[in-house]
N, C-alpha and C. Protein backbone atom coordinates (compact mmCIF):
# COMPACT_ATOMS: atom_id res chain seq x y z
N UNK A 1 -41.96 -0.23 29.91
CA UNK A 1 -40.75 -0.36 29.05
C UNK A 1 -40.40 -1.80 28.97
N UNK A 2 -40.27 -2.37 27.67
CA UNK A 2 -39.99 -3.64 27.31
C UNK A 2 -38.57 -4.03 27.89
N UNK A 3 -38.37 -5.28 28.34
CA UNK A 3 -37.31 -5.83 28.74
C UNK A 3 -36.09 -5.67 27.79
N UNK A 4 -36.37 -5.78 26.48
CA UNK A 4 -35.37 -5.73 25.51
C UNK A 4 -34.94 -4.22 25.41
N UNK A 5 -35.53 -3.41 25.49
CA UNK A 5 -35.24 -1.89 25.53
C UNK A 5 -34.57 -1.66 26.82
N UNK A 6 -35.06 -2.13 27.85
CA UNK A 6 -34.30 -1.86 29.16
C UNK A 6 -32.75 -2.47 29.18
N UNK A 7 -32.69 -3.64 28.54
CA UNK A 7 -31.23 -4.12 28.29
C UNK A 7 -30.42 -3.14 27.69
N UNK A 8 -30.75 -2.63 26.64
CA UNK A 8 -29.64 -1.44 26.11
C UNK A 8 -29.61 -0.18 27.16
N UNK A 9 -30.60 0.25 27.46
CA UNK A 9 -30.55 1.36 28.49
C UNK A 9 -29.65 1.24 29.62
N UNK A 10 -29.72 0.02 30.22
CA UNK A 10 -29.08 -0.19 31.37
C UNK A 10 -27.53 -0.38 31.18
N UNK A 11 -27.00 -0.52 30.07
CA UNK A 11 -25.67 -0.76 29.80
C UNK A 11 -25.00 0.64 30.01
N UNK A 12 -23.78 0.55 30.54
CA UNK A 12 -22.89 1.62 30.74
C UNK A 12 -22.03 1.84 29.32
N UNK A 13 -21.67 3.00 29.05
CA UNK A 13 -20.73 3.28 27.92
C UNK A 13 -19.29 2.80 28.17
N UNK A 14 -18.65 2.21 27.25
CA UNK A 14 -18.95 2.12 25.89
C UNK A 14 -19.76 0.90 25.45
N UNK A 15 -20.08 0.09 26.36
CA UNK A 15 -21.03 -1.08 25.80
C UNK A 15 -22.34 -0.75 25.27
N UNK A 16 -22.91 0.34 25.95
CA UNK A 16 -24.33 0.72 25.31
C UNK A 16 -24.25 1.04 23.74
N UNK A 17 -23.18 1.96 23.57
CA UNK A 17 -23.07 2.20 22.08
C UNK A 17 -22.72 1.08 21.13
N UNK A 18 -21.92 0.23 21.66
CA UNK A 18 -21.50 -0.92 21.02
C UNK A 18 -22.58 -1.94 20.76
N UNK A 19 -23.59 -2.07 21.85
CA UNK A 19 -24.66 -2.99 21.58
C UNK A 19 -25.73 -2.37 20.67
N UNK A 20 -25.83 -1.13 20.69
CA UNK A 20 -26.91 -0.51 19.81
C UNK A 20 -26.42 -0.51 18.43
N UNK A 21 -25.10 -0.37 18.20
CA UNK A 21 -24.44 -0.43 16.72
C UNK A 21 -24.70 -1.68 16.25
N UNK A 22 -24.21 -2.84 17.12
CA UNK A 22 -24.40 -4.19 16.78
C UNK A 22 -25.88 -4.68 16.31
N UNK A 23 -26.69 -4.05 17.09
CA UNK A 23 -28.21 -4.29 16.75
C UNK A 23 -28.52 -3.78 15.57
N UNK A 24 -28.14 -2.56 15.09
CA UNK A 24 -28.38 -2.06 13.81
C UNK A 24 -27.80 -2.65 12.71
N UNK A 25 -26.54 -3.24 12.95
CA UNK A 25 -25.79 -3.96 11.93
C UNK A 25 -26.66 -5.30 11.43
N UNK A 26 -27.04 -5.96 12.69
CA UNK A 26 -27.80 -7.13 12.56
C UNK A 26 -29.13 -7.01 11.75
N UNK A 27 -29.95 -5.91 12.25
CA UNK A 27 -31.25 -5.72 11.62
C UNK A 27 -31.05 -5.17 10.26
N UNK A 28 -29.89 -4.78 9.80
CA UNK A 28 -29.99 -4.06 8.55
C UNK A 28 -29.54 -5.11 7.38
N UNK A 29 -29.10 -6.33 8.08
CA UNK A 29 -28.71 -7.23 6.99
C UNK A 29 -29.76 -7.75 5.99
N UNK A 30 -31.03 -7.99 6.60
CA UNK A 30 -32.02 -8.55 5.85
C UNK A 30 -33.54 -8.00 6.54
N UNK A 31 -34.45 -7.76 5.62
CA UNK A 31 -35.71 -7.37 6.16
C UNK A 31 -36.46 -8.29 7.03
N UNK A 32 -36.14 -9.66 6.96
CA UNK A 32 -36.78 -10.74 7.48
C UNK A 32 -35.98 -11.11 9.04
N UNK A 33 -35.13 -10.19 9.36
CA UNK A 33 -34.50 -10.50 10.61
C UNK A 33 -35.33 -9.63 11.69
N UNK A 34 -35.60 -10.22 12.73
CA UNK A 34 -36.47 -9.58 13.74
C UNK A 34 -35.79 -9.87 15.17
N UNK A 35 -35.99 -8.96 16.06
CA UNK A 35 -35.52 -8.99 17.42
C UNK A 35 -36.43 -9.18 18.44
N UNK A 36 -36.05 -10.27 19.38
CA UNK A 36 -36.96 -10.48 20.53
C UNK A 36 -36.18 -10.75 21.46
N UNK A 37 -37.00 -10.79 22.77
CA UNK A 37 -36.24 -10.87 24.14
C UNK A 37 -36.48 -12.41 24.31
N UNK A 38 -35.35 -13.26 24.29
CA UNK A 38 -35.46 -14.52 24.61
C UNK A 38 -34.25 -14.83 25.63
N UNK A 39 -34.50 -16.04 26.38
CA UNK A 39 -33.53 -16.37 27.24
C UNK A 39 -32.76 -15.28 28.04
N UNK A 40 -33.44 -14.15 28.37
CA UNK A 40 -33.02 -13.00 29.08
C UNK A 40 -31.89 -12.26 28.25
N UNK A 41 -32.09 -12.17 27.04
CA UNK A 41 -31.16 -11.34 26.18
C UNK A 41 -31.76 -11.07 24.79
N UNK A 42 -31.20 -10.01 24.10
CA UNK A 42 -31.52 -9.86 22.91
C UNK A 42 -31.28 -10.83 21.77
N UNK A 43 -32.19 -11.29 21.30
CA UNK A 43 -32.10 -12.49 20.33
C UNK A 43 -32.74 -12.00 18.92
N UNK A 44 -32.00 -12.46 17.94
CA UNK A 44 -32.30 -12.19 16.54
C UNK A 44 -32.58 -13.36 15.72
N UNK A 45 -33.86 -13.35 15.13
CA UNK A 45 -34.37 -14.26 14.28
C UNK A 45 -34.41 -14.08 12.81
N UNK A 46 -34.15 -15.10 11.91
CA UNK A 46 -34.30 -14.86 10.62
C UNK A 46 -35.60 -15.91 10.03
N UNK A 47 -36.46 -15.36 9.65
CA UNK A 47 -37.59 -16.08 9.20
C UNK A 47 -38.11 -17.07 10.30
N UNK A 48 -38.04 -16.65 11.53
CA UNK A 48 -38.54 -17.23 12.51
C UNK A 48 -37.72 -18.41 13.16
N UNK A 49 -36.23 -18.22 12.81
CA UNK A 49 -35.43 -19.23 13.17
C UNK A 49 -34.46 -18.47 13.89
N UNK A 50 -33.77 -19.19 14.95
CA UNK A 50 -32.83 -18.35 15.87
C UNK A 50 -31.56 -18.23 14.99
N UNK A 51 -31.14 -16.81 14.91
CA UNK A 51 -29.91 -16.44 14.02
C UNK A 51 -28.65 -16.15 14.89
N UNK A 52 -28.99 -15.02 15.85
CA UNK A 52 -27.94 -14.67 16.71
C UNK A 52 -28.21 -14.13 17.90
N UNK A 53 -27.40 -13.48 18.82
CA UNK A 53 -27.89 -12.98 19.84
C UNK A 53 -26.68 -11.92 20.46
N UNK A 54 -27.00 -11.13 21.16
CA UNK A 54 -26.04 -10.16 21.87
C UNK A 54 -25.92 -10.50 23.40
N UNK A 55 -24.55 -10.48 23.74
CA UNK A 55 -24.31 -10.59 25.15
C UNK A 55 -22.66 -10.10 25.60
N UNK A 56 -22.60 -10.04 26.75
CA UNK A 56 -21.18 -9.43 27.24
C UNK A 56 -20.54 -10.77 27.95
N UNK A 57 -19.25 -10.94 27.43
CA UNK A 57 -18.25 -12.07 27.89
C UNK A 57 -17.95 -11.77 29.36
N UNK A 58 -18.34 -12.59 30.20
CA UNK A 58 -17.68 -12.34 31.73
C UNK A 58 -16.21 -12.30 31.80
N UNK A 59 -15.53 -13.23 31.05
CA UNK A 59 -14.13 -13.25 31.22
C UNK A 59 -13.47 -12.14 30.68
N UNK A 60 -13.75 -11.82 29.14
CA UNK A 60 -13.14 -10.80 28.49
C UNK A 60 -13.65 -9.36 28.59
N UNK A 61 -14.83 -9.43 29.33
CA UNK A 61 -15.66 -8.09 29.57
C UNK A 61 -15.77 -7.31 28.25
N UNK A 62 -16.23 -8.04 27.17
CA UNK A 62 -16.54 -7.43 25.90
C UNK A 62 -17.80 -7.98 25.37
N UNK A 63 -18.43 -6.97 24.77
CA UNK A 63 -19.79 -7.52 24.04
C UNK A 63 -19.44 -8.54 23.07
N UNK A 64 -20.24 -9.23 22.70
CA UNK A 64 -20.17 -10.33 21.65
C UNK A 64 -21.44 -10.67 20.83
N UNK A 65 -21.27 -11.16 19.73
CA UNK A 65 -22.46 -11.60 18.92
C UNK A 65 -22.21 -13.03 19.04
N UNK A 66 -23.25 -13.93 19.32
CA UNK A 66 -23.26 -15.18 19.48
C UNK A 66 -24.07 -15.54 18.19
N UNK A 67 -23.43 -16.49 17.45
CA UNK A 67 -24.02 -17.01 16.05
C UNK A 67 -24.53 -18.32 16.29
N UNK A 68 -25.72 -18.64 16.05
CA UNK A 68 -26.37 -19.95 16.33
C UNK A 68 -25.71 -20.97 15.62
N UNK A 69 -25.55 -20.67 14.41
CA UNK A 69 -24.90 -21.86 13.38
C UNK A 69 -23.38 -21.63 13.19
N UNK A 70 -22.69 -21.06 14.32
CA UNK A 70 -21.61 -20.51 14.15
C UNK A 70 -20.50 -21.83 13.81
N UNK A 71 -20.91 -23.00 14.27
CA UNK A 71 -20.04 -24.15 14.11
C UNK A 71 -19.93 -24.42 12.66
N UNK A 72 -20.75 -24.05 11.84
CA UNK A 72 -20.71 -24.16 10.36
C UNK A 72 -19.75 -23.15 9.56
N UNK A 73 -19.31 -22.02 10.35
CA UNK A 73 -18.49 -21.06 9.88
C UNK A 73 -16.99 -21.13 10.41
N UNK A 74 -16.10 -20.89 9.41
CA UNK A 74 -14.70 -20.95 9.61
C UNK A 74 -14.05 -19.44 9.49
N UNK A 75 -14.03 -18.98 10.60
CA UNK A 75 -13.27 -17.56 10.54
C UNK A 75 -12.43 -17.21 11.88
N UNK A 76 -11.25 -16.86 11.84
CA UNK A 76 -10.51 -16.52 13.05
C UNK A 76 -11.13 -15.64 13.96
N UNK A 77 -12.04 -14.76 13.45
CA UNK A 77 -12.52 -14.02 14.63
C UNK A 77 -13.70 -14.62 15.38
N UNK A 78 -14.08 -15.89 14.93
CA UNK A 78 -15.20 -16.74 15.74
C UNK A 78 -14.25 -17.57 16.75
N UNK A 79 -15.07 -17.57 17.98
CA UNK A 79 -14.45 -18.56 19.02
C UNK A 79 -15.73 -19.50 19.48
N UNK A 80 -15.26 -20.73 19.54
CA UNK A 80 -16.08 -21.89 19.82
C UNK A 80 -16.19 -22.00 21.38
N UNK A 81 -15.00 -21.93 22.12
CA UNK A 81 -15.17 -22.08 23.82
C UNK A 81 -15.79 -23.55 23.88
N UNK A 82 -16.66 -23.66 24.73
CA UNK A 82 -17.22 -25.08 25.16
C UNK A 82 -18.76 -24.89 24.47
N UNK A 83 -18.87 -24.25 23.42
CA UNK A 83 -20.30 -24.30 22.80
C UNK A 83 -20.34 -25.48 21.90
N UNK A 84 -21.27 -26.24 21.74
CA UNK A 84 -21.35 -27.36 20.69
C UNK A 84 -21.57 -26.80 19.39
N UNK A 85 -22.74 -25.81 19.38
CA UNK A 85 -23.29 -25.38 18.05
C UNK A 85 -22.78 -23.97 17.85
N UNK A 86 -22.75 -23.20 18.76
CA UNK A 86 -22.59 -21.69 18.58
C UNK A 86 -21.09 -21.34 18.82
N UNK A 87 -20.76 -20.13 17.92
CA UNK A 87 -19.50 -19.45 17.94
C UNK A 87 -19.95 -18.13 18.40
N UNK A 88 -18.97 -17.36 19.08
CA UNK A 88 -19.18 -15.95 19.28
C UNK A 88 -18.11 -15.12 18.56
N UNK A 89 -18.36 -13.95 18.39
CA UNK A 89 -17.50 -12.96 17.85
C UNK A 89 -17.50 -11.78 18.77
N UNK A 90 -16.21 -11.59 19.55
CA UNK A 90 -15.94 -10.55 20.58
C UNK A 90 -15.70 -9.20 19.91
N UNK A 91 -16.33 -8.28 20.43
CA UNK A 91 -16.13 -6.89 19.83
C UNK A 91 -15.47 -5.95 20.94
N UNK A 92 -14.44 -5.50 20.74
CA UNK A 92 -13.78 -4.52 21.76
C UNK A 92 -14.44 -3.15 21.63
N UNK A 93 -15.17 -2.98 22.86
CA UNK A 93 -15.85 -1.52 22.78
C UNK A 93 -14.85 -0.42 22.93
N UNK A 94 -13.82 -0.53 23.05
CA UNK A 94 -12.84 0.78 23.07
C UNK A 94 -12.27 1.10 21.68
N UNK A 95 -12.55 0.23 20.91
CA UNK A 95 -11.95 0.35 19.44
C UNK A 95 -13.17 0.54 18.37
N UNK A 96 -12.75 0.89 17.18
CA UNK A 96 -13.81 1.10 16.14
C UNK A 96 -14.22 -0.31 15.77
N UNK A 97 -15.61 -0.36 15.67
CA UNK A 97 -16.20 -1.47 15.37
C UNK A 97 -15.81 -2.10 13.87
N UNK A 98 -15.44 -3.24 13.78
CA UNK A 98 -15.07 -3.77 12.45
C UNK A 98 -16.39 -4.09 11.53
N UNK A 99 -17.11 -3.09 11.06
CA UNK A 99 -18.36 -3.23 10.30
C UNK A 99 -18.14 -4.23 9.25
N UNK A 100 -17.31 -3.99 8.53
CA UNK A 100 -17.04 -4.82 7.15
C UNK A 100 -16.89 -6.29 7.65
N UNK A 101 -15.95 -6.59 8.66
CA UNK A 101 -15.69 -7.94 8.97
C UNK A 101 -17.14 -8.52 9.66
N UNK A 102 -17.75 -7.80 10.45
CA UNK A 102 -19.04 -8.42 11.13
C UNK A 102 -20.08 -8.61 10.04
N UNK A 103 -20.21 -7.67 9.20
CA UNK A 103 -21.18 -7.88 8.04
C UNK A 103 -20.82 -9.03 7.24
N UNK A 104 -19.58 -9.29 6.83
CA UNK A 104 -19.18 -10.44 6.16
C UNK A 104 -19.62 -11.66 6.87
N UNK A 105 -19.21 -11.85 8.16
CA UNK A 105 -19.44 -13.19 8.89
C UNK A 105 -21.00 -13.45 8.96
N UNK A 106 -21.69 -12.31 9.34
CA UNK A 106 -23.11 -12.43 9.44
C UNK A 106 -23.81 -12.71 8.14
N UNK A 107 -23.13 -12.26 7.04
CA UNK A 107 -23.90 -12.54 5.76
C UNK A 107 -23.59 -14.09 5.49
N UNK A 108 -22.38 -14.49 5.91
CA UNK A 108 -22.11 -15.95 5.68
C UNK A 108 -23.16 -16.79 6.44
N UNK A 109 -23.35 -16.40 7.72
CA UNK A 109 -24.34 -17.18 8.53
C UNK A 109 -25.62 -17.05 7.91
N UNK A 110 -26.03 -15.90 7.43
CA UNK A 110 -27.54 -15.58 6.91
C UNK A 110 -27.66 -16.54 5.64
N UNK A 111 -26.60 -16.65 4.68
CA UNK A 111 -26.54 -17.59 3.85
C UNK A 111 -26.98 -19.07 3.95
N UNK A 112 -26.36 -19.47 5.23
CA UNK A 112 -26.66 -20.78 5.51
C UNK A 112 -28.16 -21.06 5.87
N UNK A 113 -28.85 -19.94 6.23
CA UNK A 113 -30.21 -20.19 6.30
C UNK A 113 -31.13 -20.19 4.98
N UNK A 114 -30.54 -19.29 4.00
CA UNK A 114 -31.29 -18.99 2.85
C UNK A 114 -31.04 -20.29 1.75
N UNK A 115 -29.77 -20.83 2.11
CA UNK A 115 -29.53 -22.05 1.04
C UNK A 115 -29.74 -23.46 1.62
N UNK A 116 -29.97 -23.39 2.91
CA UNK A 116 -30.13 -24.77 3.83
C UNK A 116 -28.96 -25.28 4.15
């Protein structure tokens, strides 16, 4: 079994379902987005450039999407913390996933890659 597949399988519910849903949302954005195992986590690339990743926040105990070019986006759902370049989007696994909001933010991030 690949480490990336093992990452999803080892998650407990409701994290497992949340991570799998987030994976599908990210991959459905564009056919040029691919998933790889990088830095010990699921990483998503757009046209061979780092786009975003999935991980669980230790302090808040919530899954999140880390957006590589997050510093270039301005949305109240994005958190900078001590990161210089990236921002994260926390997802509460006990609530409905805000698909439209996630899609909107990720589309904005994707447009940064497409337009330069």
